[in-house]
Amino acid sequence: MTINEAINHPNATIVDVRSEGEFAGGNVPGSINIPLHTVPDHVEDFKTMSQPVVLCCMSGNRSGQALMFLQAQGVEGLYNGGGYGEVLIHKL
């Protein structure tokens, strides 16, 4: 599945790993905010999220870190959407 297909999948969950303040300043409609530093506390939540799970942040760096951590914990169906602006552009 391409990132564009993942973003627009009807069951996709978009998770923004930026801080609460950054998220409040603009986000993808319907996305949820789980700041990067709290991701380890939410591993079980990620395992039960509707897939695909598209992670995003400001530039793709933090979402990439979250992706690698979550994959190491056995979470599947993850995609790094990059910056939330990029996700917005690809969202139909």
PDB file of N, CA and C in Angstrom:
ATOM      1  N   MET A   1       0.856  -1.174   0.000  1.00  0.00           N
ATOM      2  CA  MET A   1       0.000   0.000   0.000  1.00  0.00           C
ATOM      3  C   MET A   1       0.898   1.231   0.000  1.00  0.00           C
ATOM      4  N   THR A   2       0.593   2.182  -0.867  1.00  0.00           N
ATOM      5  CA  THR A   2       1.358   3.430  -0.890  1.00  0.00           C
ATOM      6  C   THR A   2       0.921   4.323   0.270  1.00  0.00           C
ATOM      7  N   ILE A   3       1.715   5.331   0.571  1.00  0.00           N
ATOM      8  CA  ILE A   3       1.353   6.244   1.650  1.00  0.00           C
ATOM      9  C   ILE A   3       0.058   6.980   1.309  1.00  0.00           C
ATOM     10  N   ASN A   4      -0.140   7.333   0.050  1.00  0.00           N
ATOM     11  CA  ASN A   4      -1.371   8.003  -0.359  1.00  0.00           C
ATOM     12  C   ASN A   4      -2.577   7.091  -0.139  1.00  0.00           C
ATOM     13  N   GLU A   5      -2.431   5.816  -0.480  1.00  0.00           N
ATOM     14  CA  GLU A   5      -3.514   4.862  -0.253  1.00  0.00           C
ATOM     15  C   GLU A   5      -3.775   4.686   1.235  1.00  0.00           C
ATOM     16  N   ALA A   6      -2.712   4.649   2.031  1.00  0.00           N
ATOM     17  CA  ALA A   6      -2.876   4.506   3.481  1.00  0.00           C
ATOM     18  C   ALA A   6      -3.613   5.708   4.072  1.00  0.00           C
ATOM     19  N   ILE A   7      -3.216   6.905   3.665  1.00  0.00           N
ATOM     20  CA  ILE A   7      -3.839   8.134   4.186  1.00  0.00           C
ATOM     21  C   ILE A   7      -5.329   8.164   3.865  1.00  0.00           C
ATOM     22  N   ASN A   8      -5.679   7.715   2.676  1.00  0.00           N
ATOM     23  CA  ASN A   8      -7.066   7.799   2.226  1.00  0.00           C
ATOM     24  C   ASN A   8      -7.869   6.522   2.446  1.00  0.00           C
ATOM     25  N   HIS A   9      -7.262   5.541   3.070  1.00  0.00           N
ATOM     26  CA  HIS A   9      -7.975   4.295   3.358  1.00  0.00           C
ATOM     27  C   HIS A   9      -9.153   4.609   4.291  1.00  0.00           C
ATOM     28  N   PRO A  10     -10.320   4.033   4.042  1.00  0.00           N
ATOM     29  CA  PRO A  10     -11.491   4.354   4.870  1.00  0.00           C
ATOM     30  C   PRO A  10     -11.331   3.977   6.344  1.00  0.00           C
ATOM     31  N   ASN A  11     -10.448   3.040   6.660  1.00  0.00           N
ATOM     32  CA  ASN A  11     -10.246   2.634   8.053  1.00  0.00           C
ATOM     33  C   ASN A  11      -9.003   3.249   8.681  1.00  0.00           C
ATOM     34  N   ALA A  12      -8.334   4.155   7.970  1.00  0.00           N
ATOM     35  CA  ALA A  12      -7.080   4.725   8.450  1.00  0.00           C
ATOM     36  C   ALA A  12      -7.252   5.491   9.760  1.00  0.00           C
ATOM     37  N   THR A  13      -6.237   5.355  10.609  1.00  0.00           N
ATOM     38  CA  THR A  13      -6.130   6.156  11.822  1.00  0.00           C
ATOM     39  C   THR A  13      -4.906   7.038  11.626  1.00  0.00           C
ATOM     40  N   ILE A  14      -5.075   8.336  11.739  1.00  0.00           N
ATOM     41  CA  ILE A  14      -3.955   9.262  11.606  1.00  0.00           C
ATOM     42  C   ILE A  14      -3.586   9.747  12.993  1.00  0.00           C
ATOM     43  N   VAL A  15      -2.326   9.492  13.366  1.00  0.00           N
ATOM     44  CA  VAL A  15      -1.832   9.862  14.689  1.00  0.00           C
ATOM     45  C   VAL A  15      -0.727  10.902  14.530  1.00  0.00           C
ATOM     46  N   ASP A  16      -0.938  12.050  15.139  1.00  0.00           N
ATOM     47  CA  ASP A  16       0.023  13.153  15.123  1.00  0.00           C
ATOM     48  C   ASP A  16       0.844  13.065  16.405  1.00  0.00           C
ATOM     49  N   VAL A  17       2.167  12.921  16.265  1.00  0.00           N
ATOM     50  CA  VAL A  17       3.019  12.745  17.442  1.00  0.00           C
ATOM     51  C   VAL A  17       3.686  14.052  17.892  1.00  0.00           C
ATOM     52  N   ARG A  18       3.203  15.179  17.393  1.00  0.00           N
ATOM     53  CA  ARG A  18       3.730  16.462  17.858  1.00  0.00           C
ATOM     54  C   ARG A  18       3.199  16.771  19.253  1.00  0.00           C
ATOM     55  N   SER A  19       3.734  17.822  19.857  1.00  0.00           N
ATOM     56  CA  SER A  19       3.270  18.234  21.184  1.00  0.00           C
ATOM     57  C   SER A  19       1.819  18.686  21.110  1.00  0.00           C
ATOM     58  N   GLU A  20       1.172  18.739  22.259  1.00  0.00           N
ATOM     59  CA  GLU A  20      -0.219  19.192  22.314  1.00  0.00           C
ATOM     60  C   GLU A  20      -0.357  20.608  21.761  1.00  0.00           C
ATOM     61  N   GLY A  21       0.599  21.482  22.072  1.00  0.00           N
ATOM     62  CA  GLY A  21       0.556  22.855  21.584  1.00  0.00           C
ATOM     63  C   GLY A  21       0.675  22.935  20.072  1.00  0.00           C
ATOM     64  N   GLU A  22       1.595  22.143  19.499  1.00  0.00           N
ATOM     65  CA  GLU A  22       1.737  22.112  18.043  1.00  0.00           C
ATOM     66  C   GLU A  22       0.460  21.586  17.394  1.00  0.00           C
ATOM     67  N   PHE A  23      -0.094  20.536  17.961  1.00  0.00           N
ATOM     68  CA  PHE A  23      -1.316  19.934  17.436  1.00  0.00           C
ATOM     69  C   PHE A  23      -2.457  20.951  17.452  1.00  0.00           C
ATOM     70  N   ALA A  24      -2.569  21.703  18.550  1.00  0.00           N
ATOM     71  CA  ALA A  24      -3.626  22.705  18.677  1.00  0.00           C
ATOM     72  C   ALA A  24      -3.476  23.814  17.638  1.00  0.00           C
ATOM     73  N   GLY A  25      -2.247  24.041  17.168  1.00  0.00           N
ATOM     74  CA  GLY A  25      -1.998  25.084  16.179  1.00  0.00           C
ATOM     75  C   GLY A  25      -2.375  24.699  14.764  1.00  0.00           C
ATOM     76  N   GLY A  26      -2.729  23.457  14.523  1.00  0.00           N
ATOM     77  CA  GLY A  26      -3.130  22.980  13.198  1.00  0.00           C
ATOM     78  C   GLY A  26      -2.903  21.495  13.108  1.00  0.00           C
ATOM     79  N   ASN A  27      -3.851  20.792  12.521  1.00  0.00           N
ATOM     80  CA  ASN A  27      -3.743  19.342  12.417  1.00  0.00           C
ATOM     81  C   ASN A  27      -4.628  18.811  11.302  1.00  0.00           C
ATOM     82  N   VAL A  28      -4.458  17.535  11.025  1.00  0.00           N
ATOM     83  CA  VAL A  28      -5.289  16.860  10.022  1.00  0.00           C
ATOM     84  C   VAL A  28      -6.649  16.591  10.664  1.00  0.00           C
ATOM     85  N   PRO A  29      -7.738  17.035  10.039  1.00  0.00           N
ATOM     86  CA  PRO A  29      -9.066  16.768  10.603  1.00  0.00           C
ATOM     87  C   PRO A  29      -9.263  15.270  10.864  1.00  0.00           C
ATOM     88  N   GLY A  30      -9.732  14.953  12.064  1.00  0.00           N
ATOM     89  CA  GLY A  30      -9.981  13.571  12.435  1.00  0.00           C
ATOM     90  C   GLY A  30      -8.779  12.846  13.021  1.00  0.00           C
ATOM     91  N   SER A  31      -7.615  13.504  13.013  1.00  0.00           N
ATOM     92  CA  SER A  31      -6.422  12.853  13.571  1.00  0.00           C
ATOM     93  C   SER A  31      -6.466  12.905  15.090  1.00  0.00           C
ATOM     94  N   ILE A  32      -5.655  12.035  15.695  1.00  0.00           N
ATOM     95  CA  ILE A  32      -5.553  12.045  17.148  1.00  0.00           C
ATOM     96  C   ILE A  32      -4.129  12.425  17.529  1.00  0.00           C
ATOM     97  N   ASN A  33      -3.974  13.006  18.694  1.00  0.00           N
ATOM     98  CA  ASN A  33      -2.675  13.483  19.154  1.00  0.00           C
ATOM     99  C   ASN A  33      -2.139  12.581  20.260  1.00  0.00           C
ATOM    100  N   ILE A  34      -1.010  11.950  19.968  1.00  0.00           N
ATOM    101  CA  ILE A  34      -0.271  11.185  20.967  1.00  0.00           C
ATOM    102  C   ILE A  34       1.170  11.679  20.867  1.00  0.00           C
ATOM    103  N   PRO A  35       1.551  12.665  21.696  1.00  0.00           N
ATOM    104  CA  PRO A  35       2.910  13.210  21.620  1.00  0.00           C
ATOM    105  C   PRO A  35       3.978  12.124  21.710  1.00  0.00           C
ATOM    106  N   LEU A  36       5.070  12.324  20.978  1.00  0.00           N
ATOM    107  CA  LEU A  36       6.129  11.321  20.880  1.00  0.00           C
ATOM    108  C   LEU A  36       6.577  10.804  22.237  1.00  0.00           C
ATOM    109  N   HIS A  37       6.747  11.687  23.212  1.00  0.00           N
ATOM    110  CA  HIS A  37       7.257  11.240  24.514  1.00  0.00           C
ATOM    111  C   HIS A  37       6.268  10.336  25.265  1.00  0.00           C
ATOM    112  N   THR A  38       5.007  10.298  24.809  1.00  0.00           N
ATOM    113  CA  THR A  38       4.016   9.434  25.457  1.00  0.00           C
ATOM    114  C   THR A  38       3.739   8.154  24.667  1.00  0.00           C
ATOM    115  N   VAL A  39       4.339   8.021  23.485  1.00  0.00           N
ATOM    116  CA  VAL A  39       4.102   6.838  22.652  1.00  0.00           C
ATOM    117  C   VAL A  39       4.356   5.536  23.414  1.00  0.00           C
ATOM    118  N   PRO A  40       5.455   5.418  24.202  1.00  0.00           N
ATOM    119  CA  PRO A  40       5.662   4.160  24.928  1.00  0.00           C
ATOM    120  C   PRO A  40       4.513   3.781  25.868  1.00  0.00           C
ATOM    121  N   ASP A  41       3.776   4.779  26.342  1.00  0.00           N
ATOM    122  CA  ASP A  41       2.637   4.511  27.225  1.00  0.00           C
ATOM    123  C   ASP A  41       1.397   4.041  26.461  1.00  0.00           C
ATOM    124  N   HIS A  42       1.435   4.116  25.142  1.00  0.00           N
ATOM    125  CA  HIS A  42       0.256   3.823  24.320  1.00  0.00           C
ATOM    126  C   HIS A  42       0.452   2.649  23.363  1.00  0.00           C
ATOM    127  N   VAL A  43       1.467   1.835  23.585  1.00  0.00           N
ATOM    128  CA  VAL A  43       1.745   0.723  22.663  1.00  0.00           C
ATOM    129  C   VAL A  43       0.515  -0.156  22.473  1.00  0.00           C
ATOM    130  N   GLU A  44      -0.147  -0.513  23.556  1.00  0.00           N
ATOM    131  CA  GLU A  44      -1.330  -1.377  23.435  1.00  0.00           C
ATOM    132  C   GLU A  44      -2.451  -0.674  22.679  1.00  0.00           C
ATOM    133  N   ASP A  45      -2.566   0.642  22.839  1.00  0.00           N
ATOM    134  CA  ASP A  45      -3.570   1.398  22.083  1.00  0.00           C
ATOM    135  C   ASP A  45      -3.280   1.318  20.587  1.00  0.00           C
ATOM    136  N   PHE A  46      -2.005   1.467  20.218  1.00  0.00           N
ATOM    137  CA  PHE A  46      -1.634   1.392  18.803  1.00  0.00           C
ATOM    138  C   PHE A  46      -1.962   0.018  18.228  1.00  0.00           C
ATOM    139  N   LYS A  47      -1.788  -1.023  19.008  1.00  0.00           N
ATOM    140  CA  LYS A  47      -2.053  -2.382  18.533  1.00  0.00           C
ATOM    141  C   LYS A  47      -3.524  -2.609  18.219  1.00  0.00           C
ATOM    142  N   THR A  48      -4.407  -1.825  18.825  1.00  0.00           N
ATOM    143  CA  THR A  48      -5.844  -2.014  18.613  1.00  0.00           C
ATOM    144  C   THR A  48      -6.460  -0.957  17.694  1.00  0.00           C
ATOM    145  N   MET A  49      -5.651  -0.020  17.207  1.00  0.00           N
ATOM    146  CA  MET A  49      -6.183   1.029  16.317  1.00  0.00           C
ATOM    147  C   MET A  49      -6.561   0.441  14.968  1.00  0.00           C
ATOM    148  N   SER A  50      -7.551   1.064  14.363  1.00  0.00           N
ATOM    149  CA  SER A  50      -7.956   0.692  13.016  1.00  0.00           C
ATOM    150  C   SER A  50      -6.774   0.949  12.069  1.00  0.00           C
ATOM    151  N   GLN A  51      -6.481  -0.035  11.235  1.00  0.00           N
ATOM    152  CA  GLN A  51      -5.340   0.080  10.321  1.00  0.00           C
ATOM    153  C   GLN A  51      -5.780   0.441   8.924  1.00  0.00           C
ATOM    154  N   PRO A  52      -4.911   1.106   8.184  1.00  0.00           N
ATOM    155  CA  PRO A  52      -3.538   1.451   8.493  1.00  0.00           C
ATOM    156  C   PRO A  52      -3.449   2.614   9.489  1.00  0.00           C
ATOM    157  N   VAL A  53      -2.326   2.663  10.215  1.00  0.00           N
ATOM    158  CA  VAL A  53      -2.061   3.758  11.136  1.00  0.00           C
ATOM    159  C   VAL A  53      -0.995   4.633  10.488  1.00  0.00           C
ATOM    160  N   VAL A  54      -1.352   5.878  10.206  1.00  0.00           N
ATOM    161  CA  VAL A  54      -0.442   6.820   9.571  1.00  0.00           C
ATOM    162  C   VAL A  54       0.044   7.794  10.643  1.00  0.00           C
ATOM    163  N   LEU A  55       1.354   7.794  10.868  1.00  0.00           N
ATOM    164  CA  LEU A  55       1.966   8.678  11.851  1.00  0.00           C
ATOM    165  C   LEU A  55       2.441   9.939  11.149  1.00  0.00           C
ATOM    166  N   CYS A  56       2.274  11.081  11.805  1.00  0.00           N
ATOM    167  CA  CYS A  56       2.769  12.328  11.236  1.00  0.00           C
ATOM    168  C   CYS A  56       3.268  13.246  12.348  1.00  0.00           C
ATOM    169  N   CYS A  57       4.017  14.261  11.964  1.00  0.00           N
ATOM    170  CA  CYS A  57       4.539  15.249  12.911  1.00  0.00           C
ATOM    171  C   CYS A  57       4.733  16.551  12.135  1.00  0.00           C
ATOM    172  N   MET A  58       5.835  17.261  12.358  1.00  0.00           N
ATOM    173  CA  MET A  58       6.090  18.483  11.607  1.00  0.00           C
ATOM    174  C   MET A  58       6.867  18.186  10.321  1.00  0.00           C
ATOM    175  N   SER A  59       7.873  17.321  10.423  1.00  0.00           N
ATOM    176  CA  SER A  59       8.741  17.078   9.269  1.00  0.00           C
ATOM    177  C   SER A  59       8.863  15.609   8.874  1.00  0.00           C
ATOM    178  N   GLY A  60       8.422  14.717   9.723  1.00  0.00           N
ATOM    179  CA  GLY A  60       8.577  13.288   9.475  1.00  0.00           C
ATOM    180  C   GLY A  60       9.626  12.646  10.365  1.00  0.00           C
ATOM    181  N   ASN A  61      10.404  13.445  11.091  1.00  0.00           N
ATOM    182  CA  ASN A  61      11.441  12.909  11.957  1.00  0.00           C
ATOM    183  C   ASN A  61      10.851  12.220  13.186  1.00  0.00           C
ATOM    184  N   ARG A  62      10.010  12.923  13.928  1.00  0.00           N
ATOM    185  CA  ARG A  62       9.419  12.324  15.124  1.00  0.00           C
ATOM    186  C   ARG A  62       8.504  11.161  14.778  1.00  0.00           C
ATOM    187  N   SER A  63       7.757  11.291  13.683  1.00  0.00           N
ATOM    188  CA  SER A  63       6.886  10.178  13.288  1.00  0.00           C
ATOM    189  C   SER A  63       7.725   8.973  12.878  1.00  0.00           C
ATOM    190  N   GLY A  64       8.901   9.209  12.298  1.00  0.00           N
ATOM    191  CA  GLY A  64       9.814   8.120  11.966  1.00  0.00           C
ATOM    192  C   GLY A  64      10.349   7.436  13.216  1.00  0.00           C
ATOM    193  N   GLN A  65      10.652   8.227  14.243  1.00  0.00           N
ATOM    194  CA  GLN A  65      11.113   7.658  15.509  1.00  0.00           C
ATOM    195  C   GLN A  65      10.008   6.801  16.136  1.00  0.00           C
ATOM    196  N   ALA A  66       8.782   7.336  16.120  1.00  0.00           N
ATOM    197  CA  ALA A  66       7.647   6.588  16.676  1.00  0.00           C
ATOM    198  C   ALA A  66       7.436   5.291  15.901  1.00  0.00           C
ATOM    199  N   LEU A  67       7.534   5.353  14.583  1.00  0.00           N
ATOM    200  CA  LEU A  67       7.348   4.173  13.746  1.00  0.00           C
ATOM    201  C   LEU A  67       8.363   3.098  14.099  1.00  0.00           C
ATOM    202  N   MET A  68       9.632   3.460  14.191  1.00  0.00           N
ATOM    203  CA  MET A  68      10.664   2.474  14.509  1.00  0.00           C
ATOM    204  C   MET A  68      10.449   1.870  15.898  1.00  0.00           C
ATOM    205  N   PHE A  69      10.100   2.705  16.876  1.00  0.00           N
ATOM    206  CA  PHE A  69       9.848   2.200  18.221  1.00  0.00           C
ATOM    207  C   PHE A  69       8.670   1.235  18.231  1.00  0.00           C
ATOM    208  N   LEU A  70       7.572   1.642  17.603  1.00  0.00           N
ATOM    209  CA  LEU A  70       6.360   0.815  17.615  1.00  0.00           C
ATOM    210  C   LEU A  70       6.561  -0.498  16.863  1.00  0.00           C
ATOM    211  N   GLN A  71       7.279  -0.456  15.755  1.00  0.00           N
ATOM    212  CA  GLN A  71       7.561  -1.698  15.028  1.00  0.00           C
ATOM    213  C   GLN A  71       8.374  -2.649  15.896  1.00  0.00           C
ATOM    214  N   ALA A  72       9.323  -2.106  16.661  1.00  0.00           N
ATOM    215  CA  ALA A  72      10.135  -2.937  17.560  1.00  0.00           C
ATOM    216  C   ALA A  72       9.283  -3.567  18.660  1.00  0.00           C
ATOM    217  N   GLN A  73       8.123  -2.951  18.937  1.00  0.00           N
ATOM    218  CA  GLN A  73       7.204  -3.488  19.945  1.00  0.00           C
ATOM    219  C   GLN A  73       6.176  -4.439  19.328  1.00  0.00           C
ATOM    220  N   GLY A  74       6.293  -4.707  18.027  1.00  0.00           N
ATOM    221  CA  GLY A  74       5.398  -5.640  17.361  1.00  0.00           C
ATOM    222  C   GLY A  74       4.136  -5.029  16.778  1.00  0.00           C
ATOM    223  N   VAL A  75       4.079  -3.699  16.709  1.00  0.00           N
ATOM    224  CA  VAL A  75       2.904  -3.041  16.128  1.00  0.00           C
ATOM    225  C   VAL A  75       3.042  -3.099  14.606  1.00  0.00           C
ATOM    226  N   GLU A  76       1.961  -3.479  13.938  1.00  0.00           N
ATOM    227  CA  GLU A  76       1.972  -3.613  12.483  1.00  0.00           C
ATOM    228  C   GLU A  76       1.023  -2.603  11.843  1.00  0.00           C
ATOM    229  N   GLY A  77       1.111  -2.489  10.530  1.00  0.00           N
ATOM    230  CA  GLY A  77       0.207  -1.617   9.783  1.00  0.00           C
ATOM    231  C   GLY A  77       0.519  -0.140   9.909  1.00  0.00           C
ATOM    232  N   LEU A  78       1.800   0.185  10.182  1.00  0.00           N
ATOM    233  CA  LEU A  78       2.208   1.574  10.398  1.00  0.00           C
ATOM    234  C   LEU A  78       2.811   2.190   9.144  1.00  0.00           C
ATOM    235  N   TYR A  79       2.583   3.484   8.972  1.00  0.00           N
ATOM    236  CA  TYR A  79       3.161   4.247   7.874  1.00  0.00           C
ATOM    237  C   TYR A  79       3.636   5.589   8.406  1.00  0.00           C
ATOM    238  N   ASN A  80       4.767   6.062   7.905  1.00  0.00           N
ATOM    239  CA  ASN A  80       5.238   7.393   8.250  1.00  0.00           C
ATOM    240  C   ASN A  80       4.701   8.350   7.197  1.00  0.00           C
ATOM    241  N   GLY A  81       3.730   9.157   7.600  1.00  0.00           N
ATOM    242  CA  GLY A  81       3.136  10.116   6.684  1.00  0.00           C
ATOM    243  C   GLY A  81       3.957  11.374   6.509  1.00  0.00           C
ATOM    244  N   GLY A  82       5.011  11.539   7.323  1.00  0.00           N
ATOM    245  CA  GLY A  82       5.835  12.737   7.239  1.00  0.00           C
ATOM    246  C   GLY A  82       5.182  13.888   7.978  1.00  0.00           C
ATOM    247  N   GLY A  83       5.343  15.078   7.425  1.00  0.00           N
ATOM    248  CA  GLY A  83       4.751  16.259   8.033  1.00  0.00           C
ATOM    249  C   GLY A  83       3.242  16.259   7.896  1.00  0.00           C
ATOM    250  N   TYR A  84       2.558  16.828   8.891  1.00  0.00           N
ATOM    251  CA  TYR A  84       1.097  16.812   8.833  1.00  0.00           C
ATOM    252  C   TYR A  84       0.580  17.583   7.634  1.00  0.00           C
ATOM    253  N   GLY A  85       1.330  18.583   7.179  1.00  0.00           N
ATOM    254  CA  GLY A  85       0.940  19.322   5.968  1.00  0.00           C
ATOM    255  C   GLY A  85       0.942  18.429   4.739  1.00  0.00           C
ATOM    256  N   GLU A  86       1.910  17.516   4.669  1.00  0.00           N
ATOM    257  CA  GLU A  86       1.962  16.567   3.565  1.00  0.00           C
ATOM    258  C   GLU A  86       0.768  15.628   3.604  1.00  0.00           C
ATOM    259  N   VAL A  87       0.390  15.214   4.798  1.00  0.00           N
ATOM    260  CA  VAL A  87      -0.765  14.337   4.946  1.00  0.00           C
ATOM    261  C   VAL A  87      -2.026  15.074   4.491  1.00  0.00           C
ATOM    262  N   LEU A  88      -2.129  16.348   4.864  1.00  0.00           N
ATOM    263  CA  LEU A  88      -3.290  17.146   4.434  1.00  0.00           C
ATOM    264  C   LEU A  88      -3.367  17.229   2.915  1.00  0.00           C
ATOM    265  N   ILE A  89      -2.230  17.417   2.271  1.00  0.00           N
ATOM    266  CA  ILE A  89      -2.196  17.530   0.811  1.00  0.00           C
ATOM    267  C   ILE A  89      -2.688  16.240   0.148  1.00  0.00           C
ATOM    268  N   HIS A  90      -2.316  15.092   0.721  1.00  0.00           N
ATOM    269  CA  HIS A  90      -2.678  13.800   0.127  1.00  0.00           C
ATOM    270  C   HIS A  90      -4.081  13.323   0.503  1.00  0.00           C
ATOM    271  N   LYS A  91      -4.657  13.937   1.520  1.00  0.00           N
ATOM    272  CA  LYS A  91      -5.979  13.508   1.967  1.00  0.00           C
ATOM    273  C   LYS A  91      -7.010  13.988   0.945  1.00  0.00           C
ATOM    274  N   LEU A  92      -7.813  13.069   0.459  1.00  0.00           N
ATOM    275  CA  LEU A  92      -8.830  13.417  -0.561  1.00  0.00           C
ATOM    276  C   LEU A  92      -9.950  14.244   0.026  1.00  0.00           C
TER     277      LEU A  92
END
